[in-house]
N, C-alpha and C. Protein backbone atom coordinates (compact mmCIF):
# COMPACT_ATOMS: atom_id res chain seq x y z
N MET A 1 0.69 -1.04 -0.06
CA MET A 1 -0.10 -0.10 0.09
C MET A 1 0.76 1.17 -0.06
N LEU A 2 2.04 1.21 0.64
CA LEU A 2 2.89 2.27 0.75
C LEU A 2 3.39 2.71 -0.55
N PRO A 3 3.92 2.07 -1.46
CA PRO A 3 4.38 2.22 -2.95
C PRO A 3 3.08 3.03 -3.56
N VAL A 4 1.86 2.46 -3.21
CA VAL A 4 0.87 3.26 -4.13
C VAL A 4 0.71 4.47 -3.43
N LEU A 5 0.65 5.00 -2.18
CA LEU A 5 0.67 6.16 -1.83
C LEU A 5 1.74 7.04 -2.17
N VAL A 6 2.84 6.80 -2.25
CA VAL A 6 4.13 7.41 -2.89
C VAL A 6 3.99 7.81 -4.10
N ALA A 7 3.57 6.58 -5.02
CA ALA A 7 3.10 7.16 -6.47
C ALA A 7 2.13 8.16 -6.37
N ALA A 8 1.04 8.10 -5.69
CA ALA A 8 -0.11 9.00 -5.86
C ALA A 8 0.50 10.31 -5.30
N VAL A 9 1.33 10.46 -4.41
CA VAL A 9 1.86 11.82 -3.93
C VAL A 9 2.74 12.26 -5.21
N LEU A 10 3.48 11.51 -5.83
CA LEU A 10 4.40 11.94 -6.73
C LEU A 10 3.69 12.28 -7.95
N MET A 11 2.48 11.44 -8.53
CA MET A 11 1.60 12.10 -9.46
C MET A 11 1.12 13.33 -9.25
N PHE A 12 0.72 13.38 -7.81
CA PHE A 12 0.04 14.79 -7.58
C PHE A 12 0.94 15.76 -7.61
N SER A 13 2.32 15.68 -7.26
CA SER A 13 3.05 16.76 -7.50
C SER A 13 3.28 17.16 -8.89
N LEU A 14 3.29 16.10 -9.80
CA LEU A 14 3.62 16.57 -11.44
C LEU A 14 2.26 16.52 -12.05
N VAL A 15 1.03 17.07 -11.34
CA VAL A 15 -0.09 17.15 -12.03
C VAL A 15 0.09 17.73 -13.37
N GLY A 16 -0.60 16.57 -14.34
CA GLY A 16 -0.55 16.75 -15.68
C GLY A 16 0.08 15.33 -16.05
N ALA A 17 0.68 14.74 -15.60
CA ALA A 17 1.12 13.43 -15.90
C ALA A 17 -0.05 12.39 -15.99
N PRO A 18 -0.04 11.37 -16.81
CA PRO A 18 -1.28 10.47 -16.46
C PRO A 18 -1.46 9.82 -15.17
N TYR A 19 -2.49 9.66 -14.57
CA TYR A 19 -2.72 9.08 -13.50
C TYR A 19 -4.06 8.49 -13.46
N ALA A 20 -4.52 7.55 -12.41
CA ALA A 20 -5.52 7.03 -12.35
C ALA A 20 -6.34 7.57 -11.02
N ARG A 21 -7.63 8.01 -11.30
CA ARG A 21 -8.41 8.29 -9.96
C ARG A 21 -8.64 7.10 -9.22
N ALA A 22 -8.32 7.26 -7.92
CA ALA A 22 -8.77 5.97 -7.02
C ALA A 22 -10.24 6.18 -6.46
N CYS A 23 -10.93 7.50 -6.84
CA CYS A 23 -12.20 7.51 -6.35
C CYS A 23 -13.01 8.10 -7.55
N ASP A 24 -14.31 8.12 -7.31
CA ASP A 24 -15.32 8.53 -8.31
C ASP A 24 -15.48 10.08 -8.14
N CYS A 25 -15.07 10.58 -9.22
CA CYS A 25 -14.82 12.25 -9.23
C CYS A 25 -15.79 12.63 -10.64
N LYS A 26 -16.22 13.84 -10.59
CA LYS A 26 -16.53 14.59 -11.86
C LYS A 26 -15.33 14.97 -12.78
N VAL A 27 -15.21 14.66 -13.78
CA VAL A 27 -14.09 15.05 -14.49
C VAL A 27 -13.89 16.56 -15.01
N LEU A 28 -13.03 17.36 -14.49
CA LEU A 28 -12.79 18.80 -14.59
C LEU A 28 -11.81 18.97 -15.67
N SER A 29 -12.12 19.85 -16.48
CA SER A 29 -11.05 20.36 -17.49
C SER A 29 -10.25 21.44 -16.73
N PHE A 30 -9.05 21.73 -17.30
CA PHE A 30 -7.98 22.66 -16.83
C PHE A 30 -8.83 24.09 -16.42
N GLU A 31 -9.59 24.70 -17.40
CA GLU A 31 -10.33 25.75 -17.09
C GLU A 31 -11.35 25.55 -15.98
N GLU A 32 -11.95 24.48 -15.89
CA GLU A 32 -13.02 24.39 -14.77
C GLU A 32 -12.24 24.08 -13.52
N ALA A 33 -11.08 23.39 -13.36
CA ALA A 33 -10.48 23.41 -12.23
C ALA A 33 -10.06 24.65 -11.60
N VAL A 34 -9.44 25.51 -12.69
CA VAL A 34 -8.74 26.87 -12.12
C VAL A 34 -10.14 27.65 -11.60
N GLU A 35 -11.15 27.79 -12.20
CA GLU A 35 -12.43 28.41 -11.82
C GLU A 35 -12.93 27.95 -10.46
N GLN A 36 -12.95 26.48 -10.20
CA GLN A 36 -13.28 26.14 -8.97
C GLN A 36 -12.48 26.29 -7.65
N ALA A 37 -11.29 26.33 -7.90
CA ALA A 37 -10.21 26.43 -6.81
C ALA A 37 -10.16 27.67 -6.43
N ASP A 38 -9.97 27.77 -4.99
CA ASP A 38 -9.85 29.15 -4.34
C ASP A 38 -8.48 29.34 -3.93
N LEU A 39 -7.55 28.26 -4.01
CA LEU A 39 -6.19 28.52 -3.88
C LEU A 39 -5.52 27.51 -4.86
N ILE A 40 -4.54 27.97 -5.66
CA ILE A 40 -3.70 27.15 -6.65
C ILE A 40 -2.35 27.57 -6.09
N ALA A 41 -1.46 26.77 -5.58
CA ALA A 41 -0.37 27.14 -5.12
C ALA A 41 0.56 25.96 -4.85
N GLU A 42 1.89 26.45 -4.78
CA GLU A 42 2.80 25.30 -4.57
C GLU A 42 3.08 25.39 -3.04
N ILE A 43 3.10 24.29 -2.28
CA ILE A 43 3.26 24.37 -0.91
C ILE A 43 4.20 23.36 -0.47
N THR A 44 4.74 23.32 0.75
CA THR A 44 5.67 22.50 1.15
C THR A 44 5.13 21.99 2.67
N ILE A 45 5.01 20.66 2.90
CA ILE A 45 4.52 20.33 4.22
C ILE A 45 5.53 20.44 5.29
N ARG A 46 5.14 20.97 6.42
CA ARG A 46 5.90 21.20 7.43
C ARG A 46 5.73 20.68 8.60
N SER A 47 4.36 20.14 8.92
CA SER A 47 4.13 19.39 10.09
C SER A 47 2.83 18.47 10.04
N GLY A 48 2.71 17.45 10.59
CA GLY A 48 1.22 16.76 10.65
C GLY A 48 1.52 15.32 10.00
N GLU A 49 0.83 14.43 10.42
CA GLU A 49 1.17 13.16 9.84
C GLU A 49 -0.27 12.37 9.64
N GLY A 50 -0.13 11.63 8.61
CA GLY A 50 -1.36 10.81 8.44
C GLY A 50 -1.01 9.31 7.98
N THR A 51 -1.84 8.39 8.12
CA THR A 51 -1.58 6.95 7.80
C THR A 51 -2.74 6.52 6.76
N ASP A 52 -2.45 5.64 5.89
CA ASP A 52 -3.45 5.12 4.91
C ASP A 52 -4.50 4.36 5.60
N GLN A 53 -4.63 4.11 7.02
CA GLN A 53 -5.50 3.63 7.54
C GLN A 53 -6.66 4.56 8.19
N SER A 54 -6.34 5.86 7.98
CA SER A 54 -7.61 6.81 8.35
C SER A 54 -8.22 7.47 7.26
N THR A 55 -9.62 7.59 7.82
CA THR A 55 -10.47 8.11 6.60
C THR A 55 -10.86 9.51 7.02
N GLU A 56 -10.26 9.80 8.16
CA GLU A 56 -10.54 11.22 8.63
C GLU A 56 -9.41 12.37 8.12
N PRO A 57 -10.08 13.44 7.89
CA PRO A 57 -8.85 14.27 7.01
C PRO A 57 -7.68 14.52 8.26
N VAL A 58 -6.53 14.64 7.42
CA VAL A 58 -5.29 15.06 8.29
C VAL A 58 -5.13 16.38 8.14
N VAL A 59 -4.63 17.27 8.97
CA VAL A 59 -4.76 18.81 9.07
C VAL A 59 -3.01 18.82 9.15
N TYR A 60 -2.44 19.39 7.86
CA TYR A 60 -0.98 19.75 7.93
C TYR A 60 -0.60 21.02 7.94
N ARG A 61 0.34 21.55 8.63
CA ARG A 61 0.81 22.99 8.46
C ARG A 61 1.95 23.06 7.27
N ALA A 62 1.52 24.01 6.38
CA ALA A 62 2.34 23.95 5.08
C ALA A 62 2.65 25.52 4.92
N ALA A 63 4.05 25.32 4.25
CA ALA A 63 4.50 26.84 3.93
C ALA A 63 3.98 26.88 2.31
N VAL A 64 3.68 28.13 2.07
CA VAL A 64 3.24 28.29 0.64
C VAL A 64 4.46 29.04 0.14
N GLU A 65 4.90 28.27 -1.02
CA GLU A 65 5.94 28.89 -1.83
C GLU A 65 5.62 30.02 -2.96
N ARG A 66 4.74 29.63 -3.86
CA ARG A 66 4.33 30.22 -4.87
C ARG A 66 2.52 30.11 -5.06
N VAL A 67 2.20 31.13 -5.51
CA VAL A 67 0.68 31.53 -5.48
C VAL A 67 0.16 31.96 -6.90
N TRP A 68 -0.36 31.02 -7.65
CA TRP A 68 -1.00 31.43 -8.88
C TRP A 68 -2.35 31.81 -8.81
N LYS A 69 -3.34 31.63 -7.83
CA LYS A 69 -4.55 32.15 -7.57
C LYS A 69 -4.83 31.79 -6.13
N GLY A 70 -5.41 32.83 -5.66
CA GLY A 70 -6.12 32.94 -4.22
C GLY A 70 -5.21 33.85 -3.20
N GLU A 71 -5.52 33.58 -1.94
CA GLU A 71 -4.67 34.24 -0.76
C GLU A 71 -3.22 33.96 -0.85
N GLU A 72 -2.59 35.22 -0.95
CA GLU A 72 -1.13 35.16 -0.73
C GLU A 72 -0.52 35.27 0.89
N THR A 73 -0.48 34.36 1.29
CA THR A 73 -0.05 34.01 2.68
C THR A 73 1.01 33.31 2.86
N ARG A 74 1.87 33.30 3.82
CA ARG A 74 3.04 32.52 3.76
C ARG A 74 3.09 31.03 4.16
N GLU A 75 1.90 31.06 5.23
CA GLU A 75 1.53 29.57 5.60
C GLU A 75 0.16 29.38 5.86
N ILE A 76 -0.29 28.17 5.68
CA ILE A 76 -1.67 27.77 5.72
C ILE A 76 -1.76 26.38 6.33
N GLN A 77 -3.16 26.04 6.81
CA GLN A 77 -3.57 24.96 7.29
C GLN A 77 -3.98 24.06 5.98
N PHE A 78 -3.54 22.91 5.76
CA PHE A 78 -4.10 22.20 4.51
C PHE A 78 -4.41 20.95 4.94
N SER A 79 -5.75 20.50 4.62
CA SER A 79 -6.06 19.24 5.04
C SER A 79 -6.66 18.40 3.70
N THR A 80 -6.20 17.14 4.11
CA THR A 80 -6.96 16.05 2.88
C THR A 80 -7.01 14.74 3.72
N SER A 81 -7.87 13.88 3.25
CA SER A 81 -7.96 12.64 3.58
C SER A 81 -6.66 11.60 3.27
N ALA A 82 -6.11 11.04 4.44
CA ALA A 82 -4.86 10.16 3.88
C ALA A 82 -5.38 8.84 3.25
N HIS A 83 -6.65 8.61 3.10
CA HIS A 83 -7.12 7.43 2.51
C HIS A 83 -7.59 7.75 1.11
N VAL A 84 -6.77 7.20 0.17
CA VAL A 84 -6.78 7.51 -1.19
C VAL A 84 -8.39 7.02 -1.82
N ALA A 85 -8.68 6.11 -1.29
CA ALA A 85 -10.27 5.47 -1.88
C ALA A 85 -11.24 6.50 -1.30
N SER A 86 -11.00 7.52 -0.44
CA SER A 86 -11.94 8.47 0.06
C SER A 86 -11.66 9.63 -0.82
N CYS A 87 -10.99 9.34 -1.82
CA CYS A 87 -10.64 10.79 -2.65
C CYS A 87 -9.51 11.51 -2.09
N GLY A 88 -8.73 11.19 -0.94
CA GLY A 88 -7.93 11.98 -0.14
C GLY A 88 -6.42 12.03 -1.22
N LEU A 89 -5.72 12.94 -0.85
CA LEU A 89 -4.34 12.80 -1.52
C LEU A 89 -3.28 11.77 -1.02
N GLY A 90 -3.55 11.09 0.09
CA GLY A 90 -2.73 10.22 0.77
C GLY A 90 -1.96 10.78 1.81
N ALA A 91 -1.41 9.90 2.36
CA ALA A 91 -0.43 10.54 3.84
C ALA A 91 0.71 11.17 2.97
N ILE A 92 0.78 12.58 3.16
CA ILE A 92 2.14 13.31 2.61
C ILE A 92 2.97 13.43 3.54
N PRO A 93 4.12 12.93 3.19
CA PRO A 93 5.38 13.29 4.15
C PRO A 93 5.72 14.69 4.38
N ILE A 94 6.42 14.73 5.69
CA ILE A 94 6.95 16.10 5.76
C ILE A 94 7.92 16.45 5.09
N GLY A 95 8.03 17.72 4.49
CA GLY A 95 9.21 18.03 3.70
C GLY A 95 8.74 17.99 1.97
N GLU A 96 7.66 17.35 2.02
CA GLU A 96 7.07 17.29 0.41
C GLU A 96 6.73 18.65 -0.09
N THR A 97 7.17 18.85 -1.41
CA THR A 97 6.66 20.03 -1.98
C THR A 97 5.37 19.65 -2.94
N LEU A 98 4.33 20.14 -3.09
CA LEU A 98 3.45 19.85 -4.11
C LEU A 98 2.63 20.85 -4.42
N LEU A 99 2.03 20.76 -5.75
CA LEU A 99 1.18 21.88 -6.27
C LEU A 99 -0.57 21.61 -5.87
N VAL A 100 -1.10 22.32 -5.18
CA VAL A 100 -2.42 22.21 -4.73
C VAL A 100 -3.53 22.85 -5.40
N TRP A 101 -4.71 22.03 -5.75
CA TRP A 101 -5.64 22.98 -6.16
C TRP A 101 -6.64 22.79 -5.03
N ALA A 102 -6.79 24.00 -4.26
CA ALA A 102 -7.80 23.72 -2.97
C ALA A 102 -8.81 24.65 -2.85
N SER A 103 -9.81 24.28 -2.03
CA SER A 103 -10.95 25.15 -1.46
C SER A 103 -10.74 25.64 0.04
N GLY A 104 -11.33 26.79 0.20
CA GLY A 104 -11.17 27.38 1.62
C GLY A 104 -10.91 28.70 1.62
N SER A 105 -10.34 29.32 2.59
CA SER A 105 -10.14 30.67 2.87
C SER A 105 -9.37 30.96 4.15
N ASP A 106 -9.00 32.12 4.24
CA ASP A 106 -8.53 32.62 5.59
C ASP A 106 -7.49 31.73 6.21
N GLY A 107 -6.41 31.33 5.35
CA GLY A 107 -5.24 30.34 5.83
C GLY A 107 -5.92 28.86 6.03
N SER A 108 -6.99 28.59 5.84
CA SER A 108 -7.35 27.06 6.16
C SER A 108 -7.94 26.38 4.80
N TYR A 109 -7.29 25.61 4.19
CA TYR A 109 -7.70 24.89 2.83
C TYR A 109 -7.67 23.31 2.94
N SER A 110 -8.36 22.88 1.98
CA SER A 110 -8.58 21.39 1.82
C SER A 110 -8.50 21.02 0.39
N SER A 111 -8.07 19.92 0.06
CA SER A 111 -8.32 19.40 -1.31
C SER A 111 -8.50 17.86 -1.58
N THR A 112 -8.97 17.42 -2.72
CA THR A 112 -9.14 15.97 -2.83
C THR A 112 -8.68 15.81 -4.48
N TRP A 113 -8.54 14.58 -4.82
CA TRP A 113 -8.14 14.25 -6.12
C TRP A 113 -9.28 14.86 -7.33
N CYS A 114 -10.40 14.97 -6.62
CA CYS A 114 -11.43 15.48 -7.48
C CYS A 114 -11.18 16.91 -7.86
N ALA A 115 -10.45 17.78 -7.17
CA ALA A 115 -9.95 19.05 -7.68
C ALA A 115 -9.18 19.10 -8.75
N LEU A 116 -8.53 18.13 -9.15
CA LEU A 116 -7.27 18.28 -10.22
C LEU A 116 -8.07 18.11 -11.46
N PRO A 117 -7.38 18.81 -12.27
CA PRO A 117 -7.77 18.87 -13.94
C PRO A 117 -7.50 17.55 -14.48
N SER A 118 -8.18 17.11 -15.39
CA SER A 118 -7.98 15.82 -16.18
C SER A 118 -7.02 16.15 -17.15
N ASP A 119 -6.93 17.14 -17.84
CA ASP A 119 -6.28 17.50 -18.91
C ASP A 119 -4.97 18.23 -18.83
N ALA A 120 -4.63 18.56 -17.72
CA ALA A 120 -3.57 19.34 -17.40
C ALA A 120 -2.32 18.89 -18.38
N GLU A 121 -1.36 19.90 -18.63
CA GLU A 121 -0.03 19.53 -19.61
C GLU A 121 0.75 18.85 -18.59
N ASP A 122 1.83 18.18 -19.19
CA ASP A 122 3.06 17.66 -18.15
C ASP A 122 3.53 18.65 -17.41
N ASP A 123 3.96 19.77 -17.84
CA ASP A 123 4.48 20.98 -17.08
C ASP A 123 3.38 21.91 -16.64
N VAL A 124 2.67 21.58 -15.63
CA VAL A 124 1.25 22.23 -15.28
C VAL A 124 1.57 23.69 -14.83
N ARG A 125 2.83 23.74 -14.18
CA ARG A 125 3.24 25.07 -13.62
C ARG A 125 3.42 26.02 -14.83
N ALA A 126 3.84 25.65 -15.80
CA ALA A 126 4.26 26.60 -17.17
C ALA A 126 2.79 26.87 -17.63
N GLN A 127 1.90 25.80 -17.80
CA GLN A 127 0.56 26.05 -18.17
C GLN A 127 -0.05 27.08 -17.23
N LEU A 128 -0.15 26.89 -15.82
CA LEU A 128 -0.88 27.74 -15.17
C LEU A 128 -0.15 29.23 -15.46
N THR A 129 1.09 29.40 -15.38
CA THR A 129 1.69 30.71 -15.63
C THR A 129 1.37 31.23 -16.92
N ARG A 130 1.14 30.46 -17.84
CA ARG A 130 0.82 30.88 -19.15
C ARG A 130 -0.71 31.24 -19.27
N GLU A 131 -1.50 30.67 -18.69
CA GLU A 131 -2.89 30.74 -18.56
C GLU A 131 -3.38 32.00 -17.51
N ILE A 132 -2.62 32.02 -16.43
CA ILE A 132 -3.19 32.88 -15.26
C ILE A 132 -2.21 34.21 -15.03
N GLY A 133 -0.95 33.64 -15.30
CA GLY A 133 0.18 34.75 -15.18
C GLY A 133 1.28 34.43 -14.12
N GLU A 134 2.27 34.90 -13.99
CA GLU A 134 3.34 34.65 -13.11
C GLU A 134 2.87 34.41 -11.66
N PRO A 135 3.35 33.48 -11.09
CA PRO A 135 2.64 33.26 -9.74
C PRO A 135 3.62 34.21 -8.56
N ALA A 136 2.83 34.40 -7.50
CA ALA A 136 3.60 35.51 -6.48
C ALA A 136 4.64 34.51 -5.73
N ASP A 137 5.87 34.75 -5.69
CA ASP A 137 6.94 34.08 -5.06
C ASP A 137 6.87 34.77 -3.52
N LEU A 138 6.57 33.48 -2.64
CA LEU A 138 6.55 34.10 -1.08
C LEU A 138 7.76 33.43 -0.46
N THR A 139 8.84 33.10 -1.16
CA THR A 139 9.72 32.29 -0.37
C THR A 139 10.75 33.27 0.31
N ASP A 140 10.66 34.34 0.07
CA ASP A 140 11.60 35.38 0.84
C ASP A 140 10.87 35.95 2.26
N ILE A 141 9.54 35.45 2.41
CA ILE A 141 9.09 35.82 3.75
C ILE A 141 9.39 34.77 4.92
N PRO A 142 9.95 34.90 5.88
CA PRO A 142 10.36 34.23 6.78
C PRO A 142 9.30 33.41 7.25
N LEU A 143 9.48 32.21 7.69
CA LEU A 143 8.50 31.47 8.55
C LEU A 143 8.61 31.26 9.93
N GLU A 144 7.43 31.09 10.80
CA GLU A 144 7.50 30.91 12.15
C GLU A 144 7.94 29.80 12.13
N PRO A 145 8.96 29.48 13.27
CA PRO A 145 9.46 28.27 13.76
C PRO A 145 8.21 27.50 14.41
N ILE A 146 8.44 26.04 14.10
CA ILE A 146 7.59 25.24 14.53
C ILE A 146 7.83 24.55 15.87
N GLU A 147 7.23 24.64 17.02
CA GLU A 147 7.46 24.42 18.27
C GLU A 147 7.08 22.84 18.34
N GLU A 148 7.88 21.85 18.30
CA GLU A 148 7.47 20.30 18.32
C GLU A 148 6.99 20.02 19.88
N PRO A 149 5.97 19.37 20.13
CA PRO A 149 5.59 18.83 21.47
C PRO A 149 6.59 17.89 21.87
N MET A 150 6.77 18.04 23.26
CA MET A 150 7.45 17.08 23.83
C MET A 150 7.03 15.73 23.95
N SER A 151 7.64 14.55 23.84
CA SER A 151 7.21 13.34 23.94
C SER A 151 6.99 13.08 25.37
N PRO A 152 6.09 12.24 25.78
CA PRO A 152 5.66 11.92 27.26
C PRO A 152 6.87 11.60 28.07
N VAL A 153 8.01 10.79 27.27
CA VAL A 153 9.07 10.26 28.11
C VAL A 153 9.72 11.49 28.55
N VAL A 154 10.17 12.55 27.83
CA VAL A 154 10.86 13.58 28.07
C VAL A 154 9.96 14.55 29.04
N THR A 155 8.79 14.69 28.86
CA THR A 155 8.08 15.54 29.99
C THR A 155 8.01 14.76 31.38
N VAL A 156 7.94 13.37 31.43
CA VAL A 156 7.87 12.80 32.61
C VAL A 156 9.46 12.84 33.53
N GLY A 157 10.38 12.78 32.42
CA GLY A 157 11.74 13.14 32.86
C GLY A 157 12.00 14.35 33.29
N LEU A 158 11.58 15.26 32.72
CA LEU A 158 11.69 16.55 33.29
C LEU A 158 10.95 16.84 34.71
N VAL A 159 9.80 16.29 34.78
CA VAL A 159 9.18 16.23 36.00
C VAL A 159 9.85 15.60 37.24
N LEU A 160 10.42 14.68 36.93
CA LEU A 160 11.04 13.88 37.79
C LEU A 160 12.44 14.68 38.33
N GLY A 161 13.00 15.01 37.12
CA GLY A 161 14.42 15.80 37.62
C GLY A 161 13.96 17.25 38.17
N GLY A 162 12.78 17.67 37.94
CA GLY A 162 12.61 18.85 39.11
C GLY A 162 12.28 18.56 40.17
N LEU A 163 11.30 17.40 40.49
CA LEU A 163 11.07 16.97 41.77
C LEU A 163 12.45 16.54 42.61
N ALA A 164 13.42 15.97 41.71
CA ALA A 164 14.53 15.55 42.51
C ALA A 164 15.56 16.76 42.92
N ALA A 165 15.38 17.87 41.97
CA ALA A 165 16.13 19.06 42.34
C ALA A 165 15.41 19.84 43.59
N LEU A 166 14.16 19.80 43.62
CA LEU A 166 13.31 20.41 44.57
C LEU A 166 13.78 19.53 45.90
N GLY A 167 13.71 18.34 45.99
CA GLY A 167 14.02 17.69 47.20
C GLY A 167 15.25 17.81 47.59
N ILE A 168 16.50 17.94 46.73
CA ILE A 168 17.98 18.47 47.08
C ILE A 168 17.89 19.91 47.84
N GLY A 169 17.10 20.68 47.16
CA GLY A 169 17.17 22.04 47.60
C GLY A 169 16.59 22.03 48.96
N LEU A 170 15.34 21.36 49.13
CA LEU A 170 14.80 21.25 50.62
C LEU A 170 15.60 20.71 51.67
N THR A 171 16.46 19.63 51.23
CA THR A 171 17.42 19.16 51.94
C THR A 171 18.47 20.13 52.50
N VAL A 172 19.07 20.66 51.55
CA VAL A 172 20.10 21.82 51.91
C VAL A 172 19.34 22.98 52.84
N LEU A 173 18.21 23.41 52.46
CA LEU A 173 17.57 24.21 53.34
C LEU A 173 17.59 23.89 54.80
N ALA A 174 17.00 22.63 55.02
CA ALA A 174 16.89 22.08 56.10
C ALA A 174 18.21 22.03 57.19
N ALA A 175 19.27 21.72 56.25
CA ALA A 175 20.50 21.56 56.73
C ALA A 175 21.00 23.11 57.29
N ILE A 176 20.68 24.00 56.44
CA ILE A 176 21.07 25.37 57.02
C ILE A 176 20.37 25.79 58.29
N VAL A 177 19.02 25.55 58.26
CA VAL A 177 18.05 25.85 59.16
C VAL A 177 18.69 25.31 60.71
N VAL A 178 18.83 23.92 60.46
CA VAL A 178 19.66 23.22 61.82
C VAL A 178 20.90 23.86 62.32
N VAL A 179 21.78 24.07 61.29
CA VAL A 179 22.87 24.68 61.90
C VAL A 179 22.90 25.89 62.43
N THR A 180 21.92 26.81 61.88
CA THR A 180 21.70 28.11 62.38
C THR A 180 21.12 28.00 63.65
N VAL A 181 20.20 27.19 63.80
CA VAL A 181 19.40 27.02 65.43
C VAL A 181 20.54 26.52 66.28
N VAL A 182 21.57 25.50 66.03
CA VAL A 182 22.40 25.22 66.79
C VAL A 182 23.29 26.24 67.28
N LEU A 183 23.89 27.22 66.14
CA LEU A 183 24.78 28.29 66.60
C LEU A 183 23.93 29.30 67.22
N LEU A 184 22.74 29.59 67.29
CA LEU A 184 21.97 30.57 68.11
C LEU A 184 22.00 30.21 69.51
N ARG A 185 21.83 28.84 69.68
CA ARG A 185 21.60 28.37 71.13
C ARG A 185 22.97 28.21 71.89
N ARG A 186 24.13 28.49 71.14
CA ARG A 186 25.35 28.08 72.00
C ARG A 186 25.47 29.47 72.83
N PRO A 187 26.15 29.27 74.09
CA PRO A 187 26.44 30.35 74.81
C PRO A 187 27.06 31.47 74.46
N ARG A 188 26.94 32.44 74.34
CA ARG A 188 27.91 33.75 73.82
C ARG A 188 29.02 34.08 74.93
N GLY A 189 30.03 34.83 74.31
CA GLY A 189 30.99 35.35 75.15
C GLY A 189 32.09 34.31 75.29
N GLY A 190 33.18 34.47 76.03
CA GLY A 190 34.41 33.72 76.24
C GLY A 190 34.32 32.70 77.27
N PRO A 191 35.22 32.14 77.73
CA PRO A 191 35.20 31.20 79.19
C PRO A 191 34.66 32.00 80.25
N GLY A 192 33.88 31.31 81.01
CA GLY A 192 33.25 31.99 82.20
C GLY A 192 31.98 32.71 81.97
N ALA A 193 31.59 32.81 80.81
CA ALA A 193 30.59 33.61 80.40
C ALA A 193 29.39 32.84 81.01
N GLY A 194 28.34 33.45 81.74
CA GLY A 194 27.49 33.01 82.51
C GLY A 194 27.56 32.82 83.86
N HIS A 195 28.98 32.93 84.41
CA HIS A 195 29.06 32.83 85.58
C HIS A 195 28.90 34.31 86.66
N GLY A 196 28.39 34.33 87.75
CA GLY A 196 28.24 35.73 88.43
C GLY A 196 29.48 36.06 88.86
N HIS A 197 29.78 37.40 88.88
CA HIS A 197 31.21 37.95 89.54
C HIS A 197 30.56 38.34 91.21
N GLY A 198 31.17 37.62 91.90
CA GLY A 198 30.87 37.79 93.54
C GLY A 198 31.75 39.05 93.97
N GLN A 199 31.36 39.85 95.07
CA GLN A 199 32.07 40.76 95.81
C GLN A 199 33.21 40.26 96.54
């Protein structure tokens, strides 16, 4: 199944090369696909994971590299089903760059195999540029760093480490208190201190 998904992603990245649709879609011409899409852009997947066992949409965080049509924002949320039989694009690896024909707005988009044109040329990017115009290049805009969530093992380790450090700190503090109390209770003055001076 994995080779099929990899091949599907590769074919999707090269939209225009012959491919077999894995689900039942209305066939769209290039012009119809352009008209229906809210966003036509080249994106790179930054985070998010899907498996071919899931029929639920997977939400990816993606950097937008170039935009032929739609919102010109540097980063979007992009969702699709990881299940090709449900018309999803499959599980997309992190770091993969692909051309998407997507629906949505305000930084949140989704797509399926059904959004792709059936008659696109082999070099679909050149076709888009010829038919729509030069894409907006967003690659000079810096991206926000992605903060990866810590694993449970790391989280537990940090908690235990913090508790151990707290225990050591409390032990040291208790020792300081004991020493201070002992010093305060010792008689003050030199030898003979505390004895009365008779006449």
